[in-house]
C-alpha atoms as a PDB file:
ATOM      1  CA  MET A   1     -93.862 103.609 117.134  1.00  0.00           C
ATOM      2  CA  THR A   2     -95.975 102.430 114.202  1.00  0.00           C
ATOM      3  CA  ARG A   3     -96.017 104.883 111.330  1.00  0.00           C
ATOM      4  CA  TRP A   4     -99.096 107.118 111.159  1.00  0.00           C
ATOM      5  CA  GLN A   5    -100.878 105.686 108.145  1.00  0.00           C
ATOM      6  CA  LEU A   6    -104.036 106.945 106.434  1.00  0.00           C
ATOM      7  CA  SER A   7    -106.030 104.082 104.959  1.00  0.00           C
ATOM      8  CA  GLN A   8    -108.415 105.750 102.512  1.00  0.00           C
ATOM      9  CA  THR A   9    -108.057 107.823  99.332  1.00  0.00           C
ATOM     10  CA  PHE A  10    -110.206 110.562  97.798  1.00  0.00           C
ATOM     11  CA  ALA A  11    -109.610 111.422  94.131  1.00  0.00           C
ATOM     12  CA  SER A  12    -109.805 115.218  94.193  1.00  0.00           C
ATOM     13  CA  GLU A  13    -109.500 117.430  91.130  1.00  0.00           C
ATOM     14  CA  GLY A  14    -105.970 118.330  92.198  1.00  0.00           C
ATOM     15  CA  GLY A  15    -104.759 114.825  92.999  1.00  0.00           C
ATOM     16  CA  ALA A  16    -105.134 111.923  95.402  1.00  0.00           C
ATOM     17  CA  VAL A  17    -105.880 112.884  99.002  1.00  0.00           C
ATOM     18  CA  ARG A  18    -105.350 110.436 101.834  1.00  0.00           C
ATOM     19  CA  TYR A  19    -107.705 110.431 104.814  1.00  0.00           C
ATOM     20  CA  ASP A  20    -109.068 108.314 107.623  1.00  0.00           C
ATOM     21  CA  VAL A  21    -111.974 108.121 110.052  1.00  0.00           C
ATOM     22  CA  MET A  22    -112.148 106.812 113.614  1.00  0.00           C
ATOM     23  CA  GLY A  23    -114.795 106.551 116.317  1.00  0.00           C
ATOM     24  CA  GLU A  24    -118.564 106.866 116.356  1.00  0.00           C
ATOM     25  CA  GLY A  25    -120.895 109.739 117.165  1.00  0.00           C
ATOM     26  CA  PRO A  26    -121.494 113.244 115.860  1.00  0.00           C
ATOM     27  CA  PRO A  27    -118.977 114.157 113.121  1.00  0.00           C
ATOM     28  CA  LEU A  28    -115.833 116.166 113.863  1.00  0.00           C
ATOM     29  CA  VAL A  29    -113.350 117.222 111.170  1.00  0.00           C
ATOM     30  CA  LEU A  30    -109.681 118.009 111.933  1.00  0.00           C
ATOM     31  CA  VAL A  31    -107.702 120.183 109.482  1.00  0.00           C
ATOM     32  CA  HIS A  32    -103.918 120.461 109.832  1.00  0.00           C
ATOM     33  CA  GLY A  33    -101.658 123.365 108.909  1.00  0.00           C
ATOM     34  CA  THR A  34     -98.298 123.822 107.230  1.00  0.00           C
ATOM     35  CA  PRO A  35     -95.666 122.382 107.028  1.00  0.00           C
ATOM     36  CA  PHE A  36     -97.418 119.698 109.047  1.00  0.00           C
ATOM     37  CA  SER A  37     -99.874 116.876 108.297  1.00  0.00           C
ATOM     38  CA  SER A  38    -102.639 114.871 109.928  1.00  0.00           C
ATOM     39  CA  TYR A  39     -99.836 113.370 112.048  1.00  0.00           C
ATOM     40  CA  VAL A  40    -100.319 116.330 114.429  1.00  0.00           C
ATOM     41  CA  TRP A  41    -103.627 114.768 115.523  1.00  0.00           C
ATOM     42  CA  ARG A  42    -102.180 111.339 116.394  1.00  0.00           C
ATOM     43  CA  ARG A  43    -102.554 111.783 120.168  1.00  0.00           C
ATOM     44  CA  ILE A  44    -105.688 113.934 120.030  1.00  0.00           C
ATOM     45  CA  ALA A  45    -107.910 112.122 117.509  1.00  0.00           C
ATOM     46  CA  PRO A  46    -108.146 108.850 119.512  1.00  0.00           C
ATOM     47  CA  LEU A  47    -109.311 110.760 122.608  1.00  0.00           C
ATOM     48  CA  LEU A  48    -111.901 112.699 120.619  1.00  0.00           C
ATOM     49  CA  ALA A  49    -113.009 109.468 118.919  1.00  0.00           C
ATOM     50  CA  CYS A  50    -114.309 108.215 122.264  1.00  0.00           C
ATOM     51  CA  LYS A  51    -117.218 110.647 121.798  1.00  0.00           C
ATOM     52  CA  ARG A  52    -117.126 111.661 118.121  1.00  0.00           C
ATOM     53  CA  GLN A  53    -116.679 110.252 114.637  1.00  0.00           C
ATOM     54  CA  VAL A  54    -113.413 111.962 113.727  1.00  0.00           C
ATOM     55  CA  PHE A  55    -112.383 112.723 110.137  1.00  0.00           C
ATOM     56  CA  PHE A  56    -108.817 113.793 109.292  1.00  0.00           C
ATOM     57  CA  PHE A  57    -106.741 114.036 106.122  1.00  0.00           C
ATOM     58  CA  ASP A  58    -103.487 115.213 104.612  1.00  0.00           C
ATOM     59  CA  ARG A  59    -104.022 118.383 102.625  1.00  0.00           C
ATOM     60  CA  LEU A  60    -103.223 118.303  98.933  1.00  0.00           C
ATOM     61  CA  GLY A  61     -99.439 118.396  98.491  1.00  0.00           C
ATOM     62  CA  TYR A  62     -98.703 117.222 102.049  1.00  0.00           C
ATOM     63  CA  ASP A  63     -97.282 113.970 103.470  1.00  0.00           C
ATOM     64  CA  GLN A  64     -99.311 110.980 102.224  1.00  0.00           C
ATOM     65  CA  SER A  65    -101.427 112.956  99.755  1.00  0.00           C
ATOM     66  CA  GLU A  66    -100.235 113.494  96.203  1.00  0.00           C
ATOM     67  CA  LYS A  67     -97.230 115.759  95.660  1.00  0.00           C
ATOM     68  CA  ARG A  68     -96.129 116.639  92.115  1.00  0.00           C
ATOM     69  CA  ALA A  69     -94.433 119.341  90.072  1.00  0.00           C
ATOM     70  CA  GLY A  70     -96.642 122.233  89.012  1.00  0.00           C
ATOM     71  CA  GLN A  71     -99.290 121.386  91.591  1.00  0.00           C
ATOM     72  CA  ASP A  72    -101.477 124.115  93.070  1.00  0.00           C
ATOM     73  CA  VAL A  73    -101.390 123.626  96.855  1.00  0.00           C
ATOM     74  CA  SER A  74    -102.276 127.195  97.799  1.00  0.00           C
ATOM     75  CA  LEU A  75    -104.974 128.297 100.207  1.00  0.00           C
ATOM     76  CA  GLY A  76    -107.003 129.041  97.098  1.00  0.00           C
ATOM     77  CA  VAL A  77    -107.549 125.328  96.430  1.00  0.00           C
ATOM     78  CA  GLN A  78    -107.519 123.909  99.947  1.00  0.00           C
ATOM     79  CA  ASN A  79    -110.992 125.225 100.799  1.00  0.00           C
ATOM     80  CA  GLN A  80    -112.299 123.707  97.544  1.00  0.00           C
ATOM     81  CA  LEU A  81    -110.753 120.410  98.637  1.00  0.00           C
ATOM     82  CA  LEU A  82    -112.316 120.608 102.103  1.00  0.00           C
ATOM     83  CA  ALA A  83    -115.738 121.345 100.584  1.00  0.00           C
ATOM     84  CA  ALA A  84    -115.334 118.345  98.256  1.00  0.00           C
ATOM     85  CA  LEU A  85    -114.322 116.114 101.172  1.00  0.00           C
ATOM     86  CA  LEU A  86    -117.358 117.206 103.178  1.00  0.00           C
ATOM     87  CA  ASP A  87    -119.516 116.149 100.225  1.00  0.00           C
ATOM     88  CA  HIS A  88    -117.620 112.865  99.889  1.00  0.00           C
ATOM     89  CA  TRP A  89    -118.127 112.121 103.579  1.00  0.00           C
ATOM     90  CA  GLY A  90    -121.768 113.232 103.465  1.00  0.00           C
ATOM     91  CA  LEU A  91    -121.290 115.786 106.258  1.00  0.00           C
ATOM     92  CA  ALA A  92    -123.724 118.702 106.265  1.00  0.00           C
ATOM     93  CA  GLU A  93    -122.892 120.422 109.549  1.00  0.00           C
ATOM     94  CA  PRO A  94    -119.952 118.880 111.429  1.00  0.00           C
ATOM     95  CA  ASP A  95    -117.915 120.407 114.196  1.00  0.00           C
ATOM     96  CA  ILE A  96    -114.524 121.419 112.809  1.00  0.00           C
ATOM     97  CA  VAL A  97    -111.064 122.145 114.191  1.00  0.00           C
ATOM     98  CA  GLY A  98    -108.433 123.983 112.120  1.00  0.00           C
ATOM     99  CA  HIS A  99    -104.801 124.650 113.029  1.00  0.00           C
ATOM    100  CA  ASP A 100    -102.559 127.206 111.301  1.00  0.00           C
ATOM    101  CA  PHE A 101    -103.391 127.116 107.544  1.00  0.00           C
ATOM    102  CA  GLY A 102    -106.093 124.617 108.473  1.00  0.00           C
ATOM    103  CA  GLY A 103    -107.768 127.484 110.319  1.00  0.00           C
ATOM    104  CA  ALA A 104    -107.582 129.680 107.224  1.00  0.00           C
ATOM    105  CA  THR A 105    -108.988 126.811 105.159  1.00  0.00           C
ATOM    106  CA  THR A 106    -111.863 126.348 107.616  1.00  0.00           C
ATOM    107  CA  LEU A 107    -112.742 130.048 107.556  1.00  0.00           C
ATOM    108  CA  ARG A 108    -112.553 130.203 103.748  1.00  0.00           C
ATOM    109  CA  THR A 109    -114.717 127.094 103.422  1.00  0.00           C
ATOM    110  CA  HIS A 110    -117.370 128.641 105.641  1.00  0.00           C
ATOM    111  CA  LEU A 111    -117.323 132.154 104.189  1.00  0.00           C
ATOM    112  CA  LEU A 112    -116.559 131.463 100.503  1.00  0.00           C
ATOM    113  CA  ASN A 113    -118.063 128.016  99.984  1.00  0.00           C
ATOM    114  CA  GLY A 114    -121.019 128.655 102.258  1.00  0.00           C
ATOM    115  CA  ARG A 115    -120.493 125.476 104.302  1.00  0.00           C
ATOM    116  CA  ALA A 116    -122.181 125.387 107.681  1.00  0.00           C
ATOM    117  CA  PHE A 117    -120.469 124.002 110.758  1.00  0.00           C
ATOM    118  CA  ARG A 118    -121.975 123.192 114.121  1.00  0.00           C
ATOM    119  CA  SER A 119    -118.956 124.840 115.747  1.00  0.00           C
ATOM    120  CA  ILE A 120    -115.514 126.100 114.747  1.00  0.00           C
ATOM    121  CA  THR A 121    -112.356 125.683 116.806  1.00  0.00           C
ATOM    122  CA  LEU A 122    -109.262 127.548 115.638  1.00  0.00           C
ATOM    123  CA  ILE A 123    -105.789 126.753 116.974  1.00  0.00           C
ATOM    124  CA  ASP A 124    -103.177 129.456 116.241  1.00  0.00           C
ATOM    125  CA  PRO A 125    -104.753 130.001 112.804  1.00  0.00           C
ATOM    126  CA  VAL A 126    -103.371 131.960 109.877  1.00  0.00           C
ATOM    127  CA  ALA A 127    -106.200 134.469 109.659  1.00  0.00           C
ATOM    128  CA  VAL A 128    -105.249 138.071 110.470  1.00  0.00           C
ATOM    129  CA  ALA A 129    -102.693 140.093 108.493  1.00  0.00           C
ATOM    130  CA  PRO A 130     -99.779 140.416 108.502  1.00  0.00           C
ATOM    131  CA  TRP A 131     -98.395 136.885 108.571  1.00  0.00           C
ATOM    132  CA  GLY A 132     -95.353 135.084 107.207  1.00  0.00           C
ATOM    133  CA  SER A 133     -92.031 134.697 109.017  1.00  0.00           C
ATOM    134  CA  PRO A 134     -88.781 136.147 107.608  1.00  0.00           C
ATOM    135  CA  PHE A 135     -87.836 132.599 106.545  1.00  0.00           C
ATOM    136  CA  VAL A 136     -91.122 132.168 104.673  1.00  0.00           C
ATOM    137  CA  GLN A 137     -90.749 135.533 102.988  1.00  0.00           C
ATOM    138  CA  HIS A 138     -87.175 134.769 101.909  1.00  0.00           C
ATOM    139  CA  VAL A 139     -88.032 131.323 100.549  1.00  0.00           C
ATOM    140  CA  ARG A 140     -91.097 132.663  98.764  1.00  0.00           C
ATOM    141  CA  ASP A 141     -88.896 135.199  96.958  1.00  0.00           C
ATOM    142  CA  ASN A 142     -86.256 132.579  96.072  1.00  0.00           C
ATOM    143  CA  ALA A 143     -88.222 129.325  95.783  1.00  0.00           C
ATOM    144  CA  THR A 144     -86.400 127.970  92.724  1.00  0.00           C
ATOM    145  CA  ALA A 145     -83.010 128.441  94.343  1.00  0.00           C
ATOM    146  CA  PHE A 146     -84.139 126.643  97.488  1.00  0.00           C
ATOM    147  CA  GLU A 147     -85.567 123.713  95.516  1.00  0.00           C
ATOM    148  CA  GLY A 148     -82.055 123.136  94.199  1.00  0.00           C
ATOM    149  CA  LEU A 149     -80.319 123.086  97.586  1.00  0.00           C
ATOM    150  CA  PRO A 150     -78.065 120.086  98.233  1.00  0.00           C
ATOM    151  CA  ASP A 151     -80.160 117.516 100.060  1.00  0.00           C
ATOM    152  CA  TYR A 152     -77.938 117.520 103.173  1.00  0.00           C
ATOM    153  CA  ILE A 153     -78.425 121.275 103.611  1.00  0.00           C
ATOM    154  CA  HIS A 154     -82.166 120.978 103.084  1.00  0.00           C
ATOM    155  CA  ALA A 155     -82.263 118.104 105.601  1.00  0.00           C
ATOM    156  CA  ALA A 156     -80.726 120.443 108.199  1.00  0.00           C
ATOM    157  CA  ILE A 157     -83.057 123.359 107.425  1.00  0.00           C
ATOM    158  CA  VAL A 158     -86.365 121.527 107.805  1.00  0.00           C
ATOM    159  CA  PRO A 159     -85.986 120.287 111.415  1.00  0.00           C
ATOM    160  CA  ALA A 160     -84.592 123.656 112.493  1.00  0.00           C
ATOM    161  CA  TYR A 161     -87.616 125.362 110.943  1.00  0.00           C
ATOM    162  CA  LEU A 162     -90.055 122.944 112.570  1.00  0.00           C
ATOM    163  CA  GLN A 163     -88.402 123.241 115.999  1.00  0.00           C
ATOM    164  CA  GLY A 164     -89.149 126.955 115.788  1.00  0.00           C
ATOM    165  CA  ALA A 165     -92.865 126.129 116.128  1.00  0.00           C
ATOM    166  CA  VAL A 166     -92.444 124.219 119.406  1.00  0.00           C
ATOM    167  CA  LYS A 167     -91.562 125.649 122.810  1.00  0.00           C
ATOM    168  CA  ARG A 168     -90.085 122.461 124.224  1.00  0.00           C
ATOM    169  CA  THR A 169     -87.018 120.933 122.590  1.00  0.00           C
ATOM    170  CA  MET A 170     -88.010 117.968 120.435  1.00  0.00           C
ATOM    171  CA  SER A 171     -85.618 115.077 119.944  1.00  0.00           C
ATOM    172  CA  ASN A 172     -84.481 114.016 116.474  1.00  0.00           C
ATOM    173  CA  SER A 173     -86.729 110.962 116.693  1.00  0.00           C
ATOM    174  CA  GLU A 174     -89.746 113.134 117.574  1.00  0.00           C
ATOM    175  CA  LEU A 175     -89.041 115.506 114.697  1.00  0.00           C
ATOM    176  CA  ALA A 176     -88.403 112.714 112.177  1.00  0.00           C
ATOM    177  CA  PRO A 177     -92.089 112.042 111.248  1.00  0.00           C
ATOM    178  CA  TYR A 178     -92.568 115.765 110.586  1.00  0.00           C
ATOM    179  CA  VAL A 179     -89.390 116.012 108.519  1.00  0.00           C
ATOM    180  CA  ALA A 180     -89.628 112.802 106.462  1.00  0.00           C
ATOM    181  CA  PRO A 181     -92.432 113.913 104.079  1.00  0.00           C
ATOM    182  CA  TRP A 182     -90.294 116.847 102.933  1.00  0.00           C
ATOM    183  CA  LEU A 183     -87.158 114.889 102.037  1.00  0.00           C
ATOM    184  CA  GLY A 184     -86.105 113.251  98.781  1.00  0.00           C
ATOM    185  CA  ALA A 185     -86.794 113.943  95.129  1.00  0.00           C
ATOM    186  CA  GLU A 186     -90.523 114.388  95.746  1.00  0.00           C
ATOM    187  CA  GLY A 187     -90.551 115.907  99.214  1.00  0.00           C
ATOM    188  CA  GLN A 188     -87.915 118.627  98.895  1.00  0.00           C
ATOM    189  CA  PRO A 189     -89.523 120.506  95.988  1.00  0.00           C
ATOM    190  CA  ALA A 190     -92.942 120.016  97.609  1.00  0.00           C
ATOM    191  CA  PHE A 191     -91.676 121.737 100.764  1.00  0.00           C
ATOM    192  CA  TYR A 192     -90.604 124.849  98.879  1.00  0.00           C
ATOM    193  CA  ARG A 193     -93.627 124.692  96.568  1.00  0.00           C
ATOM    194  CA  GLN A 194     -96.078 125.125  99.447  1.00  0.00           C
ATOM    195  CA  ILE A 195     -94.077 128.068 100.809  1.00  0.00           C
ATOM    196  CA  ALA A 196     -93.787 129.704  97.378  1.00  0.00           C
ATOM    197  CA  GLN A 197     -97.577 129.626  97.056  1.00  0.00           C
ATOM    198  CA  MET A 198     -98.278 131.267 100.418  1.00  0.00           C
ATOM    199  CA  ASP A 199    -100.117 134.496  99.662  1.00  0.00           C
ATOM    200  CA  GLN A 200    -101.715 136.825 102.186  1.00  0.00           C
ATOM    201  CA  ALA A 201    -104.322 137.710  99.541  1.00  0.00           C
ATOM    202  CA  TYR A 202    -106.163 134.501 100.452  1.00  0.00           C
ATOM    203  CA  THR A 203    -106.728 135.647 104.036  1.00  0.00           C
ATOM    204  CA  ASP A 204    -107.242 139.290 103.025  1.00  0.00           C
ATOM    205  CA  GLN A 205    -110.158 137.994 100.955  1.00  0.00           C
ATOM    206  CA  VAL A 206    -112.040 136.766 104.036  1.00  0.00           C
ATOM    207  CA  GLU A 207    -110.712 138.861 106.933  1.00  0.00           C
ATOM    208  CA  PRO A 208    -113.232 141.692 106.316  1.00  0.00           C
ATOM    209  CA  ARG A 209    -116.019 139.100 106.605  1.00  0.00           C
ATOM    210  CA  PHE A 210    -115.114 137.631 109.998  1.00  0.00           C
ATOM    211  CA  GLY A 211    -117.889 139.716 111.549  1.00  0.00           C
ATOM    212  CA  GLU A 212    -120.396 137.624 109.582  1.00  0.00           C
ATOM    213  CA  ILE A 213    -119.527 134.480 111.542  1.00  0.00           C
ATOM    214  CA  THR A 214    -122.316 133.554 113.942  1.00  0.00           C
ATOM    215  CA  ILE A 215    -121.289 129.928 114.527  1.00  0.00           C
ATOM    216  CA  PRO A 216    -119.965 129.232 118.062  1.00  0.00           C
ATOM    217  CA  THR A 217    -116.207 129.729 117.761  1.00  0.00           C
ATOM    218  CA  LEU A 218    -113.401 128.751 120.128  1.00  0.00           C
ATOM    219  CA  ILE A 219    -109.926 130.214 119.582  1.00  0.00           C
ATOM    220  CA  LEU A 220    -106.915 128.597 121.283  1.00  0.00           C
ATOM    221  CA  TRP A 221    -103.569 130.388 121.092  1.00  0.00           C
ATOM    222  CA  GLY A 222    -100.134 129.513 122.399  1.00  0.00           C
ATOM    223  CA  GLU A 223     -98.876 132.295 124.639  1.00  0.00           C
ATOM    224  CA  HIS A 224     -95.353 131.759 123.281  1.00  0.00           C
ATOM    225  CA  ASP A 225     -96.253 131.482 119.571  1.00  0.00           C
ATOM    226  CA  ARG A 226     -93.216 132.793 117.668  1.00  0.00           C
ATOM    227  CA  TRP A 227     -94.709 132.230 114.215  1.00  0.00           C
ATOM    228  CA  ILE A 228     -97.932 134.175 114.779  1.00  0.00           C
ATOM    229  CA  PRO A 229     -97.927 136.347 117.928  1.00  0.00           C
ATOM    230  CA  ILE A 230    -100.811 136.078 120.340  1.00  0.00           C
ATOM    231  CA  SER A 231    -101.779 139.677 119.535  1.00  0.00           C
ATOM    232  CA  ARG A 232    -103.108 138.356 116.197  1.00  0.00           C
ATOM    233  CA  GLY A 233    -105.236 135.903 118.139  1.00  0.00           C
ATOM    234  CA  ARG A 234    -106.704 138.619 120.304  1.00  0.00           C
ATOM    235  CA  ARG A 235    -107.472 140.631 117.181  1.00  0.00           C
ATOM    236  CA  LEU A 236    -109.212 137.631 115.608  1.00  0.00           C
ATOM    237  CA  HIS A 237    -111.237 137.223 118.800  1.00  0.00           C
ATOM    238  CA  GLU A 238    -112.385 140.850 118.439  1.00  0.00           C
ATOM    239  CA  LEU A 239    -113.356 140.320 114.800  1.00  0.00           C
ATOM    240  CA  ILE A 240    -115.396 137.149 115.392  1.00  0.00           C
ATOM    241  CA  LEU A 241    -118.135 138.470 117.645  1.00  0.00           C
ATOM    242  CA  GLY A 242    -119.069 136.181 120.497  1.00  0.00           C
ATOM    243  CA  SER A 243    -116.008 133.978 120.062  1.00  0.00           C
ATOM    244  CA  ARG A 244    -114.228 132.538 123.086  1.00  0.00           C
ATOM    245  CA  PHE A 245    -110.480 133.123 123.383  1.00  0.00           C
ATOM    246  CA  VAL A 246    -108.234 130.815 125.415  1.00  0.00           C
ATOM    247  CA  PRO A 247    -104.505 131.617 125.800  1.00  0.00           C
ATOM    248  CA  VAL A 248    -102.534 128.421 126.399  1.00  0.00           C
ATOM    249  CA  PRO A 249     -99.476 128.747 128.692  1.00  0.00           C
ATOM    250  CA  GLU A 250     -96.200 127.033 127.818  1.00  0.00           C
ATOM    251  CA  SER A 251     -97.238 126.562 124.204  1.00  0.00           C
ATOM    252  CA  ASP A 252     -95.716 127.824 120.973  1.00  0.00           C
ATOM    253  CA  HIS A 253     -97.347 127.571 117.534  1.00  0.00           C
ATOM    254  CA  LEU A 254     -97.548 123.777 117.386  1.00  0.00           C
ATOM    255  CA  MET A 255     -99.846 123.306 120.360  1.00  0.00           C
ATOM    256  CA  GLN A 256    -100.411 119.656 119.438  1.00  0.00           C
ATOM    257  CA  GLU A 257     -96.843 118.989 120.606  1.00  0.00           C
ATOM    258  CA  ASP A 258     -96.532 121.512 123.432  1.00  0.00           C
ATOM    259  CA  ALA A 259     -99.956 121.141 125.040  1.00  0.00           C
ATOM    260  CA  PRO A 260    -102.194 118.473 123.485  1.00  0.00           C
ATOM    261  CA  GLU A 261    -103.956 118.071 126.814  1.00  0.00           C
ATOM    262  CA  ALA A 262    -104.975 121.744 126.717  1.00  0.00           C
ATOM    263  CA  ILE A 263    -106.628 121.207 123.334  1.00  0.00           C
ATOM    264  CA  VAL A 264    -108.625 118.212 124.567  1.00  0.00           C
ATOM    265  CA  ALA A 265    -109.541 119.916 127.858  1.00  0.00           C
ATOM    266  CA  ALA A 266    -110.907 122.994 126.087  1.00  0.00           C
ATOM    267  CA  LEU A 267    -112.429 121.223 123.099  1.00  0.00           C
ATOM    268  CA  LEU A 268    -114.500 118.452 124.705  1.00  0.00           C
ATOM    269  CA  PRO A 269    -116.739 120.701 126.866  1.00  0.00           C
ATOM    270  CA  PHE A 270    -117.041 123.157 123.967  1.00  0.00           C
ATOM    271  CA  LEU A 271    -118.253 120.348 121.688  1.00  0.00           C
ATOM    272  CA  ASP A 272    -120.624 119.024 124.345  1.00  0.00           C
ATOM    273  CA  ALA A 273    -122.295 122.390 124.917  1.00  0.00           C
ATOM    274  CA  PRO A 274    -125.879 122.429 123.590  1.00  0.00           C
ATOM    275  CA  ARG A 275    -126.446 124.837 120.737  1.00  0.00           C
ATOM    276  CA  ALA A 276    -128.877 125.621 117.982  1.00  0.00           C
ATOM    277  CA  ALA A 277    -128.194 124.382 114.460  1.00  0.00           C
ATOM    278  CA  ALA A 278    -126.108 126.688 112.263  1.00  0.00           C
ATOM    279  CA  SER A 279    -128.031 128.645 109.678  1.00  0.00           C
END
């Protein structure tokens, strides 16, 4: 298939960020997680674009966006980037969808940057402590050593790690677009850089404020999520009063691969529901 290519560039304070827009209608922003990219939306964005103007981007330090030594790609800067992109796009109150760290970024942008959204949809988000797999914890404690791994060992680790987020078995060709951004002289250190900068303090900062969220919120969670168990999703549902919680059967953490149809089926009626403007 043709490579997923983002056609536009935003010069953020932290580096060049690649993004794209498709469709017409009310604005909808899609925010990917880690170690993924906007590629996760490739089958979903075109369907949503039939009814919405869809904005998507690669987070700073990911895939087509700038990756460089010493770069801050933590959750502490990603909400600043999202706020800057919203200004760049001229969006005051879009609907927004965040997956994994994209969910954490969405919540931080709303609660810390004061950005209003018409609705929030969270897909297996990093939001409720504790989080971080044993692999993440080990890499975070030994990031420099991992950056220096022989490339053939690193090239075996990344697809194995990614497969752990998907319930179905993905072929090598299906995994390749997810793996490719993290290979080579630029990609390998970037992969371990983003893990080294994972810090639960960034979600601890906003978790006590989830009760302040009054925006209509939809939470989708894979019933077989091995990275973040569904119990965290149910807890998040309790913390965000009035939120709607939808368990998705036969889905692991990367729902965009296991059950993209479930995302579209739940999201479209949620977006179409009439609601008052966010305050």
